[in-house]
Amino acid sequence: MSIADLQDRIEVEKNNLDTMRINHAVSPLENTSEFKKKRKDIARMLTILAAKQNNQ
């Protein structure tokens, strides 16, 4: 996956997390652990992005 693709994917995942938070405020989610999973996925992608940028 290229750096640009990874940056796009991170942006999409951040937007999905924001949408989940808004939806949770309106009507509570059944599985709130999804927030934690999304945050960790975003952090993993940011780590991979930083590693790729340092290797260039």
C-alpha atoms as a PDB file:
ATOM      1  CA  MET A   1       0.000   0.000   0.000  1.00  0.00           C
ATOM      2  CA  SER A   2       1.427   3.373  -0.967  1.00  0.00           C
ATOM      3  CA  ILE A   3       1.743   6.335   1.368  1.00  0.00           C
ATOM      4  CA  ALA A   4      -1.067   8.217  -0.386  1.00  0.00           C
ATOM      5  CA  ASP A   5      -3.384   5.207  -0.138  1.00  0.00           C
ATOM      6  CA  LEU A   6      -2.567   4.843   3.536  1.00  0.00           C
ATOM      7  CA  GLN A   7      -3.259   8.534   4.199  1.00  0.00           C
ATOM      8  CA  ASP A   8      -6.617   8.257   2.425  1.00  0.00           C
ATOM      9  CA  ARG A   9      -7.515   5.153   4.416  1.00  0.00           C
ATOM     10  CA  ILE A  10      -6.622   6.872   7.702  1.00  0.00           C
ATOM     11  CA  GLU A  11      -8.826   9.832   6.803  1.00  0.00           C
ATOM     12  CA  VAL A  12     -11.742   7.532   5.970  1.00  0.00           C
ATOM     13  CA  GLU A  13     -11.348   5.605   9.232  1.00  0.00           C
ATOM     14  CA  LYS A  14     -11.208   8.839  11.256  1.00  0.00           C
ATOM     15  CA  ASN A  15     -14.421  10.000   9.583  1.00  0.00           C
ATOM     16  CA  ASN A  16     -16.051   6.633  10.336  1.00  0.00           C
ATOM     17  CA  LEU A  17     -15.051   6.944  13.996  1.00  0.00           C
ATOM     18  CA  ASP A  18     -16.540  10.445  14.184  1.00  0.00           C
ATOM     19  CA  THR A  19     -19.756   9.175  12.606  1.00  0.00           C
ATOM     20  CA  MET A  20     -19.893   6.312  15.091  1.00  0.00           C
ATOM     21  CA  ARG A  21     -19.491   8.756  17.991  1.00  0.00           C
ATOM     22  CA  ILE A  22     -22.319  10.963  16.696  1.00  0.00           C
ATOM     23  CA  ASN A  23     -24.585   7.957  16.160  1.00  0.00           C
ATOM     24  CA  HIS A  24     -23.736   6.701  19.645  1.00  0.00           C
ATOM     25  CA  ALA A  25     -24.787  10.041  21.147  1.00  0.00           C
ATOM     26  CA  VAL A  26     -28.160   9.795  19.403  1.00  0.00           C
ATOM     27  CA  SER A  27     -28.811   6.105  19.977  1.00  0.00           C
ATOM     28  CA  PRO A  28     -26.346   4.024  22.013  1.00  0.00           C
ATOM     29  CA  LEU A  29     -24.408   1.318  20.224  1.00  0.00           C
ATOM     30  CA  GLU A  30     -24.774  -2.272  21.364  1.00  0.00           C
ATOM     31  CA  ASN A  31     -21.034  -2.925  21.258  1.00  0.00           C
ATOM     32  CA  THR A  32     -19.101   0.084  22.502  1.00  0.00           C
ATOM     33  CA  SER A  33     -15.801  -1.790  22.219  1.00  0.00           C
ATOM     34  CA  GLU A  34     -15.924  -0.883  18.523  1.00  0.00           C
ATOM     35  CA  PHE A  35     -14.642   2.590  19.494  1.00  0.00           C
ATOM     36  CA  LYS A  36     -11.534   1.061  21.024  1.00  0.00           C
ATOM     37  CA  LYS A  37     -10.985  -1.193  18.009  1.00  0.00           C
ATOM     38  CA  LYS A  38     -11.307   1.719  15.567  1.00  0.00           C
ATOM     39  CA  ARG A  39      -8.902   3.897  17.568  1.00  0.00           C
ATOM     40  CA  LYS A  40      -6.331   1.106  17.691  1.00  0.00           C
ATOM     41  CA  ASP A  41      -6.689   0.418  13.959  1.00  0.00           C
ATOM     42  CA  ILE A  42      -6.104   4.108  13.225  1.00  0.00           C
ATOM     43  CA  ALA A  43      -3.062   4.131  15.517  1.00  0.00           C
ATOM     44  CA  ARG A  44      -1.640   1.077  13.724  1.00  0.00           C
ATOM     45  CA  MET A  45      -2.091   2.732  10.356  1.00  0.00           C
ATOM     46  CA  LEU A  46      -0.433   5.924  11.614  1.00  0.00           C
ATOM     47  CA  THR A  47       2.511   3.862  12.886  1.00  0.00           C
ATOM     48  CA  ILE A  48       2.905   2.135   9.522  1.00  0.00           C
ATOM     49  CA  LEU A  49       2.651   5.505   7.758  1.00  0.00           C
ATOM     50  CA  ALA A  50       5.376   7.012   9.948  1.00  0.00           C
ATOM     51  CA  ALA A  51       7.643   4.027   9.308  1.00  0.00           C
ATOM     52  CA  LYS A  52       7.143   4.307   5.551  1.00  0.00           C
ATOM     53  CA  GLN A  53       7.823   8.037   5.583  1.00  0.00           C
ATOM     54  CA  ASN A  54      11.026   7.531   7.596  1.00  0.00           C
ATOM     55  CA  ASN A  55      12.290   4.925   5.122  1.00  0.00           C
ATOM     56  CA  GLN A  56      12.069   7.288   2.178  1.00  0.00           C
END
